[in-house]
PDB file of N, CA and C in Angstrom:
ATOM      1  N   MET A   1     123.829 101.755  70.257  1.00  0.00           N
ATOM      2  CA  MET A   1     122.938 101.812  71.402  1.00  0.00           C
ATOM      3  C   MET A   1     122.610 103.259  71.776  1.00  0.00           C
ATOM      4  N   GLU A   2     123.599 104.130  71.658  1.00  0.00           N
ATOM      5  CA  GLU A   2     123.373 105.531  72.004  1.00  0.00           C
ATOM      6  C   GLU A   2     122.371 106.186  71.050  1.00  0.00           C
ATOM      7  N   GLY A   3     122.404 105.783  69.785  1.00  0.00           N
ATOM      8  CA  GLY A   3     121.461 106.323  68.814  1.00  0.00           C
ATOM      9  C   GLY A   3     120.029 105.953  69.142  1.00  0.00           C
ATOM     10  N   ILE A   4     119.820 104.719  69.595  1.00  0.00           N
ATOM     11  CA  ILE A   4     118.475 104.270  69.960  1.00  0.00           C
ATOM     12  C   ILE A   4     117.977 105.046  71.178  1.00  0.00           C
ATOM     13  N   LEU A   5     118.860 105.261  72.162  1.00  0.00           N
ATOM     14  CA  LEU A   5     118.475 106.016  73.343  1.00  0.00           C
ATOM     15  C   LEU A   5     118.123 107.464  72.989  1.00  0.00           C
ATOM     16  N   ASN A   6     118.873 108.044  72.060  1.00  0.00           N
ATOM     17  CA  ASN A   6     118.566 109.405  71.611  1.00  0.00           C
ATOM     18  C   ASN A   6     117.198 109.469  70.931  1.00  0.00           C
ATOM     19  N   ILE A   7     116.908 108.476  70.103  1.00  0.00           N
ATOM     20  CA  ILE A   7     115.620 108.452  69.407  1.00  0.00           C
ATOM     21  C   ILE A   7     114.477 108.296  70.406  1.00  0.00           C
ATOM     22  N   VAL A   8     114.630 107.379  71.359  1.00  0.00           N
ATOM     23  CA  VAL A   8     113.590 107.172  72.378  1.00  0.00           C
ATOM     24  C   VAL A   8     113.407 108.437  73.217  1.00  0.00           C
ATOM     25  N   SER A   9     114.523 109.051  73.601  1.00  0.00           N
ATOM     26  CA  SER A   9     114.465 110.256  74.407  1.00  0.00           C
ATOM     27  C   SER A   9     113.766 111.393  73.672  1.00  0.00           C
ATOM     28  N   TRP A  10     114.124 111.618  72.435  1.00  0.00           N
ATOM     29  CA  TRP A  10     113.491 112.689  71.671  1.00  0.00           C
ATOM     30  C   TRP A  10     112.029 112.394  71.389  1.00  0.00           C
ATOM     31  N   PHE A  11     111.695 111.129  71.189  1.00  0.00           N
ATOM     32  CA  PHE A  11     110.287 110.772  71.020  1.00  0.00           C
ATOM     33  C   PHE A  11     109.494 111.141  72.272  1.00  0.00           C
ATOM     34  N   LEU A  12     110.031 110.801  73.452  1.00  0.00           N
ATOM     35  CA  LEU A  12     109.347 111.120  74.698  1.00  0.00           C
ATOM     36  C   LEU A  12     109.232 112.629  74.899  1.00  0.00           C
ATOM     37  N   LEU A  13     110.277 113.370  74.560  1.00  0.00           N
ATOM     38  CA  LEU A  13     110.245 114.824  74.692  1.00  0.00           C
ATOM     39  C   LEU A  13     109.204 115.450  73.759  1.00  0.00           C
ATOM     40  N   VAL A  14     109.179 114.989  72.529  1.00  0.00           N
ATOM     41  CA  VAL A  14     108.210 115.526  71.565  1.00  0.00           C
ATOM     42  C   VAL A  14     106.788 115.125  71.951  1.00  0.00           C
ATOM     43  N   PHE A  15     106.603 113.893  72.381  1.00  0.00           N
ATOM     44  CA  PHE A  15     105.281 113.433  72.804  1.00  0.00           C
ATOM     45  C   PHE A  15     104.805 114.219  74.029  1.00  0.00           C
ATOM     46  N   GLY A  16     105.706 114.474  74.980  1.00  0.00           N
ATOM     47  CA  GLY A  16     105.356 115.294  76.138  1.00  0.00           C
ATOM     48  C   GLY A  16     104.976 116.701  75.735  1.00  0.00           C
ATOM     49  N   GLY A  17     105.696 117.282  74.779  1.00  0.00           N
ATOM     50  CA  GLY A  17     105.337 118.605  74.279  1.00  0.00           C
ATOM     51  C   GLY A  17     103.988 118.611  73.592  1.00  0.00           C
ATOM     52  N   PHE A  18     103.711 117.561  72.819  1.00  0.00           N
ATOM     53  CA  PHE A  18     102.408 117.436  72.170  1.00  0.00           C
ATOM     54  C   PHE A  18     101.286 117.351  73.202  1.00  0.00           C
ATOM     55  N   LEU A  19     101.515 116.604  74.280  1.00  0.00           N
ATOM     56  CA  LEU A  19     100.501 116.498  75.326  1.00  0.00           C
ATOM     57  C   LEU A  19     100.278 117.837  76.021  1.00  0.00           C
ATOM     58  N   CYS A  20     101.337 118.613  76.205  1.00  0.00           N
ATOM     59  CA  CYS A  20     101.182 119.959  76.781  1.00  0.00           C
ATOM     60  C   CYS A  20     100.300 120.823  75.890  1.00  0.00           C
ATOM     61  N   ILE A  21     100.545 120.770  74.599  1.00  0.00           N
ATOM     62  CA  ILE A  21      99.754 121.568  73.662  1.00  0.00           C
ATOM     63  C   ILE A  21      98.307 121.086  73.621  1.00  0.00           C
ATOM     64  N   SER A  22      98.096 119.765  73.627  1.00  0.00           N
ATOM     65  CA  SER A  22      96.727 119.260  73.601  1.00  0.00           C
ATOM     66  C   SER A  22      95.984 119.602  74.891  1.00  0.00           C
ATOM     67  N   GLY A  23      96.677 119.626  76.014  1.00  0.00           N
ATOM     68  CA  GLY A  23      96.049 120.053  77.261  1.00  0.00           C
ATOM     69  C   GLY A  23      95.663 121.521  77.227  1.00  0.00           C
ATOM     70  N   ALA A  24      96.499 122.351  76.615  1.00  0.00           N
ATOM     71  CA  ALA A  24      96.185 123.777  76.484  1.00  0.00           C
ATOM     72  C   ALA A  24      94.977 123.975  75.574  1.00  0.00           C
ATOM     73  N   VAL A  25      94.903 123.198  74.514  1.00  0.00           N
ATOM     74  CA  VAL A  25      93.734 123.280  73.622  1.00  0.00           C
ATOM     75  C   VAL A  25      92.478 122.838  74.369  1.00  0.00           C
ATOM     76  N   GLY A  26      92.598 121.800  75.189  1.00  0.00           N
ATOM     77  CA  GLY A  26      91.468 121.348  75.992  1.00  0.00           C
ATOM     78  C   GLY A  26      91.002 122.412  76.968  1.00  0.00           C
ATOM     79  N   LEU A  27      91.941 123.138  77.551  1.00  0.00           N
ATOM     80  CA  LEU A  27      91.567 124.227  78.458  1.00  0.00           C
ATOM     81  C   LEU A  27      90.775 125.312  77.741  1.00  0.00           C
ATOM     82  N   LEU A  28      91.120 125.552  76.491  1.00  0.00           N
ATOM     83  CA  LEU A  28      90.437 126.590  75.734  1.00  0.00           C
ATOM     84  C   LEU A  28      89.102 126.128  75.160  1.00  0.00           C
ATOM     85  N   ARG A  29      88.991 124.864  74.806  1.00  0.00           N
ATOM     86  CA  ARG A  29      87.831 124.388  74.050  1.00  0.00           C
ATOM     87  C   ARG A  29      86.729 123.745  74.894  1.00  0.00           C
ATOM     88  N   PHE A  30      87.057 123.177  76.042  1.00  0.00           N
ATOM     89  CA  PHE A  30      86.049 122.456  76.812  1.00  0.00           C
ATOM     90  C   PHE A  30      85.066 123.424  77.469  1.00  0.00           C
ATOM     91  N   PRO A  31      83.812 122.976  77.680  1.00  0.00           N
ATOM     92  CA  PRO A  31      82.750 123.909  78.048  1.00  0.00           C
ATOM     93  C   PRO A  31      82.709 124.344  79.514  1.00  0.00           C
ATOM     94  N   ASP A  32      83.127 123.501  80.445  1.00  0.00           N
ATOM     95  CA  ASP A  32      82.966 123.880  81.847  1.00  0.00           C
ATOM     96  C   ASP A  32      84.226 123.585  82.652  1.00  0.00           C
ATOM     97  N   PHE A  33      84.167 123.981  83.906  1.00  0.00           N
ATOM     98  CA  PHE A  33      85.321 123.873  84.794  1.00  0.00           C
ATOM     99  C   PHE A  33      85.804 122.434  84.952  1.00  0.00           C
ATOM    100  N   PHE A  34      84.889 121.499  85.073  1.00  0.00           N
ATOM    101  CA  PHE A  34      85.266 120.120  85.378  1.00  0.00           C
ATOM    102  C   PHE A  34      85.976 119.445  84.201  1.00  0.00           C
ATOM    103  N   THR A  35      85.491 119.668  83.001  1.00  0.00           N
ATOM    104  CA  THR A  35      86.177 119.080  81.848  1.00  0.00           C
ATOM    105  C   THR A  35      87.515 119.774  81.605  1.00  0.00           C
ATOM    106  N   ARG A  36      87.578 121.054  81.890  1.00  0.00           N
ATOM    107  CA  ARG A  36      88.850 121.767  81.768  1.00  0.00           C
ATOM    108  C   ARG A  36      89.855 121.266  82.793  1.00  0.00           C
ATOM    109  N   MET A  37      89.392 121.012  84.003  1.00  0.00           N
ATOM    110  CA  MET A  37      90.286 120.469  85.029  1.00  0.00           C
ATOM    111  C   MET A  37      90.779 119.083  84.645  1.00  0.00           C
ATOM    112  N   HIS A  38      89.916 118.298  84.036  1.00  0.00           N
ATOM    113  CA  HIS A  38      90.325 116.963  83.587  1.00  0.00           C
ATOM    114  C   HIS A  38      91.427 117.083  82.541  1.00  0.00           C
ATOM    115  N   ALA A  39      91.216 117.959  81.570  1.00  0.00           N
ATOM    116  CA  ALA A  39      92.227 118.153  80.526  1.00  0.00           C
ATOM    117  C   ALA A  39      93.527 118.644  81.112  1.00  0.00           C
ATOM    118  N   ALA A  40      93.443 119.563  82.041  1.00  0.00           N
ATOM    119  CA  ALA A  40      94.661 120.139  82.613  1.00  0.00           C
ATOM    120  C   ALA A  40      95.408 119.137  83.485  1.00  0.00           C
ATOM    121  N   SER A  41      94.704 118.433  84.347  1.00  0.00           N
ATOM    122  CA  SER A  41      95.401 117.561  85.292  1.00  0.00           C
ATOM    123  C   SER A  41      95.956 116.303  84.634  1.00  0.00           C
ATOM    124  N   VAL A  42      95.195 115.710  83.752  1.00  0.00           N
ATOM    125  CA  VAL A  42      95.670 114.482  83.106  1.00  0.00           C
ATOM    126  C   VAL A  42      96.850 114.772  82.180  1.00  0.00           C
ATOM    127  N   THR A  43      96.696 115.764  81.327  1.00  0.00           N
ATOM    128  CA  THR A  43      97.791 116.049  80.395  1.00  0.00           C
ATOM    129  C   THR A  43      98.989 116.643  81.108  1.00  0.00           C
ATOM    130  N   ASP A  44      98.762 117.388  82.171  1.00  0.00           N
ATOM    131  CA  ASP A  44      99.882 117.942  82.922  1.00  0.00           C
ATOM    132  C   ASP A  44     100.722 116.827  83.528  1.00  0.00           C
ATOM    133  N   THR A  45     100.081 115.879  84.148  1.00  0.00           N
ATOM    134  CA  THR A  45     100.804 114.784  84.784  1.00  0.00           C
ATOM    135  C   THR A  45     101.525 113.919  83.753  1.00  0.00           C
ATOM    136  N   LEU A  46     100.816 113.526  82.706  1.00  0.00           N
ATOM    137  CA  LEU A  46     101.417 112.648  81.704  1.00  0.00           C
ATOM    138  C   LEU A  46     102.498 113.360  80.898  1.00  0.00           C
ATOM    139  N   ALA A  47     102.251 114.612  80.525  1.00  0.00           N
ATOM    140  CA  ALA A  47     103.248 115.349  79.744  1.00  0.00           C
ATOM    141  C   ALA A  47     104.505 115.578  80.554  1.00  0.00           C
ATOM    142  N   THR A  48     104.344 115.934  81.809  1.00  0.00           N
ATOM    143  CA  THR A  48     105.517 116.139  82.658  1.00  0.00           C
ATOM    144  C   THR A  48     106.298 114.839  82.833  1.00  0.00           C
ATOM    145  N   ALA A  49     105.591 113.744  83.001  1.00  0.00           N
ATOM    146  CA  ALA A  49     106.267 112.452  83.135  1.00  0.00           C
ATOM    147  C   ALA A  49     107.047 112.102  81.865  1.00  0.00           C
ATOM    148  N   MET A  50     106.438 112.293  80.704  1.00  0.00           N
ATOM    149  CA  MET A  50     107.130 111.989  79.447  1.00  0.00           C
ATOM    150  C   MET A  50     108.377 112.864  79.270  1.00  0.00           C
ATOM    151  N   ILE A  51     108.245 114.140  79.565  1.00  0.00           N
ATOM    152  CA  ILE A  51     109.377 115.051  79.409  1.00  0.00           C
ATOM    153  C   ILE A  51     110.489 114.703  80.388  1.00  0.00           C
ATOM    154  N   LEU A  52     110.142 114.420  81.626  1.00  0.00           N
ATOM    155  CA  LEU A  52     111.168 114.093  82.609  1.00  0.00           C
ATOM    156  C   LEU A  52     111.839 112.757  82.313  1.00  0.00           C
ATOM    157  N   ILE A  53     111.103 111.793  81.818  1.00  0.00           N
ATOM    158  CA  ILE A  53     111.726 110.512  81.436  1.00  0.00           C
ATOM    159  C   ILE A  53     112.655 110.715  80.250  1.00  0.00           C
ATOM    160  N   GLY A  54     112.233 111.541  79.284  1.00  0.00           N
ATOM    161  CA  GLY A  54     113.111 111.855  78.157  1.00  0.00           C
ATOM    162  C   GLY A  54     114.386 112.555  78.607  1.00  0.00           C
ATOM    163  N   LEU A  55     114.256 113.473  79.549  1.00  0.00           N
ATOM    164  CA  LEU A  55     115.440 114.149  80.083  1.00  0.00           C
ATOM    165  C   LEU A  55     116.311 113.192  80.894  1.00  0.00           C
ATOM    166  N   PHE A  56     115.673 112.254  81.598  1.00  0.00           N
ATOM    167  CA  PHE A  56     116.416 111.252  82.359  1.00  0.00           C
ATOM    168  C   PHE A  56     117.321 110.438  81.443  1.00  0.00           C
ATOM    169  N   ILE A  57     116.798 110.069  80.282  1.00  0.00           N
ATOM    170  CA  ILE A  57     117.597 109.295  79.327  1.00  0.00           C
ATOM    171  C   ILE A  57     118.763 110.129  78.805  1.00  0.00           C
ATOM    172  N   GLN A  58     118.563 111.437  78.624  1.00  0.00           N
ATOM    173  CA  GLN A  58     119.603 112.314  78.095  1.00  0.00           C
ATOM    174  C   GLN A  58     120.662 112.684  79.137  1.00  0.00           C
ATOM    175  N   ALA A  59     120.311 112.597  80.420  1.00  0.00           N
ATOM    176  CA  ALA A  59     121.223 113.048  81.474  1.00  0.00           C
ATOM    177  C   ALA A  59     122.460 112.163  81.520  1.00  0.00           C
ATOM    178  N   GLU A  60     123.592 112.806  81.691  1.00  0.00           N
ATOM    179  CA  GLU A  60     124.861 112.065  81.739  1.00  0.00           C
ATOM    180  C   GLU A  60     125.304 111.795  83.171  1.00  0.00           C
ATOM    181  N   SER A  61     124.863 112.591  84.121  1.00  0.00           N
ATOM    182  CA  SER A  61     125.283 112.455  85.508  1.00  0.00           C
ATOM    183  C   SER A  61     124.217 111.706  86.315  1.00  0.00           C
ATOM    184  N   TRP A  62     124.661 110.841  87.196  1.00  0.00           N
ATOM    185  CA  TRP A  62     123.699 110.117  88.027  1.00  0.00           C
ATOM    186  C   TRP A  62     123.007 111.062  88.995  1.00  0.00           C
ATOM    187  N   LEU A  63     123.692 112.149  89.395  1.00  0.00           N
ATOM    188  CA  LEU A  63     123.085 113.116  90.287  1.00  0.00           C
ATOM    189  C   LEU A  63     121.905 113.828  89.611  1.00  0.00           C
ATOM    190  N   VAL A  64     122.064 114.159  88.348  1.00  0.00           N
ATOM    191  CA  VAL A  64     120.971 114.772  87.600  1.00  0.00           C
ATOM    192  C   VAL A  64     119.821 113.787  87.459  1.00  0.00           C
ATOM    193  N   GLN A  65     120.129 112.533  87.219  1.00  0.00           N
ATOM    194  CA  GLN A  65     119.082 111.517  87.094  1.00  0.00           C
ATOM    195  C   GLN A  65     118.304 111.351  88.398  1.00  0.00           C
ATOM    196  N   VAL A  66     119.004 111.378  89.528  1.00  0.00           N
ATOM    197  CA  VAL A  66     118.333 111.260  90.822  1.00  0.00           C
ATOM    198  C   VAL A  66     117.412 112.464  91.038  1.00  0.00           C
ATOM    199  N   LYS A  67     117.873 113.651  90.686  1.00  0.00           N
ATOM    200  CA  LYS A  67     117.044 114.849  90.828  1.00  0.00           C
ATOM    201  C   LYS A  67     115.814 114.778  89.929  1.00  0.00           C
ATOM    202  N   LEU A  68     115.989 114.282  88.712  1.00  0.00           N
ATOM    203  CA  LEU A  68     114.842 114.150  87.800  1.00  0.00           C
ATOM    204  C   LEU A  68     113.826 113.154  88.335  1.00  0.00           C
ATOM    205  N   VAL A  69     114.287 112.063  88.919  1.00  0.00           N
ATOM    206  CA  VAL A  69     113.372 111.076  89.508  1.00  0.00           C
ATOM    207  C   VAL A  69     112.631 111.691  90.690  1.00  0.00           C
ATOM    208  N   MET A  70     113.327 112.486  91.500  1.00  0.00           N
ATOM    209  CA  MET A  70     112.672 113.136  92.634  1.00  0.00           C
ATOM    210  C   MET A  70     111.604 114.128  92.165  1.00  0.00           C
ATOM    211  N   VAL A  71     111.903 114.886  91.127  1.00  0.00           N
ATOM    212  CA  VAL A  71     110.918 115.821  90.572  1.00  0.00           C
ATOM    213  C   VAL A  71     109.732 115.051  90.008  1.00  0.00           C
ATOM    214  N   LEU A  72     109.999 113.952  89.306  1.00  0.00           N
ATOM    215  CA  LEU A  72     108.918 113.135  88.742  1.00  0.00           C
ATOM    216  C   LEU A  72     108.015 112.589  89.841  1.00  0.00           C
ATOM    217  N   LEU A  73     108.590 112.057  90.908  1.00  0.00           N
ATOM    218  CA  LEU A  73     107.775 111.542  92.012  1.00  0.00           C
ATOM    219  C   LEU A  73     106.960 112.656  92.659  1.00  0.00           C
ATOM    220  N   PHE A  74     107.556 113.829  92.804  1.00  0.00           N
ATOM    221  CA  PHE A  74     106.835 114.963  93.378  1.00  0.00           C
ATOM    222  C   PHE A  74     105.645 115.346  92.505  1.00  0.00           C
ATOM    223  N   VAL A  75     105.862 115.410  91.197  1.00  0.00           N
ATOM    224  CA  VAL A  75     104.780 115.782  90.279  1.00  0.00           C
ATOM    225  C   VAL A  75     103.697 114.706  90.265  1.00  0.00           C
ATOM    226  N   LEU A  76     104.082 113.443  90.273  1.00  0.00           N
ATOM    227  CA  LEU A  76     103.099 112.362  90.256  1.00  0.00           C
ATOM    228  C   LEU A  76     102.261 112.321  91.529  1.00  0.00           C
ATOM    229  N   LEU A  77     102.800 112.829  92.627  1.00  0.00           N
ATOM    230  CA  LEU A  77     102.039 112.869  93.871  1.00  0.00           C
ATOM    231  C   LEU A  77     101.190 114.134  94.002  1.00  0.00           C
ATOM    232  N   THR A  78     101.717 115.260  93.572  1.00  0.00           N
ATOM    233  CA  THR A  78     101.031 116.526  93.840  1.00  0.00           C
ATOM    234  C   THR A  78     100.040 116.936  92.761  1.00  0.00           C
ATOM    235  N   SER A  79     100.308 116.651  91.520  1.00  0.00           N
ATOM    236  CA  SER A  79      99.433 117.125  90.449  1.00  0.00           C
ATOM    237  C   SER A  79      98.032 116.506  90.515  1.00  0.00           C
ATOM    238  N   PRO A  80      97.895 115.192  90.624  1.00  0.00           N
ATOM    239  CA  PRO A  80      96.540 114.636  90.753  1.00  0.00           C
ATOM    240  C   PRO A  80      95.852 115.073  92.046  1.00  0.00           C
ATOM    241  N   THR A  81      96.618 115.225  93.121  1.00  0.00           N
ATOM    242  CA  THR A  81      96.044 115.657  94.389  1.00  0.00           C
ATOM    243  C   THR A  81      95.516 117.084  94.282  1.00  0.00           C
ATOM    244  N   ALA A  82      96.270 117.960  93.640  1.00  0.00           N
ATOM    245  CA  ALA A  82      95.829 119.343  93.469  1.00  0.00           C
ATOM    246  C   ALA A  82      94.592 119.417  92.578  1.00  0.00           C
ATOM    247  N   GLY A  83      94.569 118.636  91.517  1.00  0.00           N
ATOM    248  CA  GLY A  83      93.392 118.605  90.647  1.00  0.00           C
ATOM    249  C   GLY A  83      92.154 118.126  91.389  1.00  0.00           C
ATOM    250  N   HIS A  84      92.322 117.085  92.183  1.00  0.00           N
ATOM    251  CA  HIS A  84      91.204 116.563  92.970  1.00  0.00           C
ATOM    252  C   HIS A  84      90.724 117.606  93.974  1.00  0.00           C
ATOM    253  N   ALA A  85      91.656 118.273  94.640  1.00  0.00           N
ATOM    254  CA  ALA A  85      91.285 119.286  95.630  1.00  0.00           C
ATOM    255  C   ALA A  85      90.535 120.443  94.976  1.00  0.00           C
ATOM    256  N   LEU A  86      90.961 120.869  93.794  1.00  0.00           N
ATOM    257  CA  LEU A  86      90.267 121.956  93.100  1.00  0.00           C
ATOM    258  C   LEU A  86      88.848 121.558  92.702  1.00  0.00           C
ATOM    259  N   VAL A  87      88.693 120.346  92.201  1.00  0.00           N
ATOM    260  CA  VAL A  87      87.355 119.886  91.807  1.00  0.00           C
ATOM    261  C   VAL A  87      86.456 119.737  93.029  1.00  0.00           C
ATOM    262  N   MET A  88      86.967 119.208  94.102  1.00  0.00           N
ATOM    263  CA  MET A  88      86.155 119.067  95.311  1.00  0.00           C
ATOM    264  C   MET A  88      85.777 120.439  95.888  1.00  0.00           C
ATOM    265  N   ALA A  89      86.679 121.409  95.809  1.00  0.00           N
ATOM    266  CA  ALA A  89      86.361 122.761  96.269  1.00  0.00           C
ATOM    267  C   ALA A  89      85.273 123.383  95.396  1.00  0.00           C
ATOM    268  N   ALA A  90      85.335 123.132  94.098  1.00  0.00           N
ATOM    269  CA  ALA A  90      84.294 123.651  93.200  1.00  0.00           C
ATOM    270  C   ALA A  90      82.948 123.008  93.507  1.00  0.00           C
ATOM    271  N   LEU A  91      82.938 121.708  93.745  1.00  0.00           N
ATOM    272  CA  LEU A  91      81.681 121.037  94.107  1.00  0.00           C
ATOM    273  C   LEU A  91      81.151 121.552  95.443  1.00  0.00           C
ATOM    274  N   HIS A  92      82.042 121.757  96.382  1.00  0.00           N
ATOM    275  CA  HIS A  92      81.646 122.259  97.699  1.00  0.00           C
ATOM    276  C   HIS A  92      81.077 123.680  97.592  1.00  0.00           C
ATOM    277  N   ALA A  93      81.590 124.462  96.651  1.00  0.00           N
ATOM    278  CA  ALA A  93      81.111 125.829  96.454  1.00  0.00           C
ATOM    279  C   ALA A  93      79.790 125.874  95.694  1.00  0.00           C
ATOM    280  N   GLY A  94      79.332 124.732  95.190  1.00  0.00           N
ATOM    281  CA  GLY A  94      78.043 124.681  94.518  1.00  0.00           C
ATOM    282  C   GLY A  94      78.118 124.697  93.003  1.00  0.00           C
ATOM    283  N   LEU A  95      79.290 124.633  92.440  1.00  0.00           N
ATOM    284  CA  LEU A  95      79.428 124.600  90.984  1.00  0.00           C
ATOM    285  C   LEU A  95      79.024 123.222  90.489  1.00  0.00           C
ATOM    286  N   GLU A  96      78.140 123.183  89.503  1.00  0.00           N
ATOM    287  CA  GLU A  96      77.670 121.908  88.968  1.00  0.00           C
ATOM    288  C   GLU A  96      78.198 121.719  87.556  1.00  0.00           C
ATOM    289  N   PRO A  97      78.472 120.463  87.180  1.00  0.00           N
ATOM    290  CA  PRO A  97      78.946 120.217  85.814  1.00  0.00           C
ATOM    291  C   PRO A  97      77.856 120.482  84.781  1.00  0.00           C
ATOM    292  N   VAL A  98      78.269 120.857  83.597  1.00  0.00           N
ATOM    293  CA  VAL A  98      77.340 121.048  82.483  1.00  0.00           C
ATOM    294  C   VAL A  98      77.070 119.687  81.879  1.00  0.00           C
ATOM    295  N   LEU A  99      75.790 119.307  81.870  1.00  0.00           N
ATOM    296  CA  LEU A  99      75.410 118.006  81.337  1.00  0.00           C
ATOM    297  C   LEU A  99      74.690 118.193  80.009  1.00  0.00           C
ATOM    298  N   PRO A 100      74.780 117.208  79.116  1.00  0.00           N
ATOM    299  CA  PRO A 100      73.976 117.281  77.896  1.00  0.00           C
ATOM    300  C   PRO A 100      72.494 117.320  78.248  1.00  0.00           C
ATOM    301  N   LYS A 101      71.693 117.916  77.382  1.00  0.00           N
ATOM    302  CA  LYS A 101      70.277 118.141  77.690  1.00  0.00           C
ATOM    303  C   LYS A 101      69.522 116.844  77.988  1.00  0.00           C
ATOM    304  N   GLN A 102      69.773 115.778  77.245  1.00  0.00           N
ATOM    305  CA  GLN A 102      69.064 114.516  77.466  1.00  0.00           C
ATOM    306  C   GLN A 102      69.428 113.933  78.828  1.00  0.00           C
ATOM    307  N   LYS A 103      70.705 113.947  79.162  1.00  0.00           N
ATOM    308  CA  LYS A 103      71.140 113.397  80.438  1.00  0.00           C
ATOM    309  C   LYS A 103      70.662 114.289  81.585  1.00  0.00           C
ATOM    310  N   GLN A 104      70.653 115.610  81.361  1.00  0.00           N
ATOM    311  CA  GLN A 104      70.228 116.535  82.376  1.00  0.00           C
ATOM    312  C   GLN A 104      68.738 116.338  82.702  1.00  0.00           C
ATOM    313  N   ALA A 105      67.931 116.056  81.684  1.00  0.00           N
ATOM    314  CA  ALA A 105      66.501 115.835  81.903  1.00  0.00           C
ATOM    315  C   ALA A 105      66.278 114.579  82.735  1.00  0.00           C
ATOM    316  N   SER A 106      67.040 113.518  82.494  1.00  0.00           N
ATOM    317  CA  SER A 106      66.893 112.291  83.265  1.00  0.00           C
ATOM    318  C   SER A 106      67.378 112.472  84.686  1.00  0.00           C
ATOM    319  N   VAL A 107      68.384 113.304  84.889  1.00  0.00           N
ATOM    320  CA  VAL A 107      68.878 113.564  86.241  1.00  0.00           C
ATOM    321  C   VAL A 107      67.847 114.364  87.024  1.00  0.00           C
ATOM    322  N   GLU A 108      67.256 115.376  86.377  1.00  0.00           N
ATOM    323  CA  GLU A 108      66.239 116.181  87.059  1.00  0.00           C
ATOM    324  C   GLU A 108      64.991 115.376  87.366  1.00  0.00           C
ATOM    325  N   ALA A 109      64.639 114.427  86.503  1.00  0.00           N
ATOM    326  CA  ALA A 109      63.464 113.582  86.737  1.00  0.00           C
ATOM    327  C   ALA A 109      63.702 112.645  87.915  1.00  0.00           C
ATOM    328  N   GLY A 110      64.937 112.271  88.145  1.00  0.00           N
ATOM    329  CA  GLY A 110      65.256 111.367  89.243  1.00  0.00           C
ATOM    330  C   GLY A 110      65.366 112.046  90.584  1.00  0.00           C
ATOM    331  N   ARG A 111      65.361 113.374  90.638  1.00  0.00           N
ATOM    332  CA  ARG A 111      65.500 114.097  91.910  1.00  0.00           C
ATOM    333  C   ARG A 111      64.286 114.002  92.744  1.00  0.00           C
TER     334      ARG A 111
END
């Protein structure tokens, strides 16, 4: 049973690390602020959750497990909220998303 838990835990840790790297690539490759924020907030939340769950499985003390759950709940509450607040501040400041040319033409025609 311990071997299965180790395998599951390491899978979650590696998957969380992969999501961190893919989020960093998204930050570098995406064209505008809004798509970059999407990449950062989604992968940040999911990667942190995967890593913390993997660490939860590895933890031997119940006190460490309680602390990991508290950190996970904090991240699940604050990360999406911070991402939303940043995007709303950008919209309020007048920053507009980059749209493909065909979609942009239809949006301008509808104004």
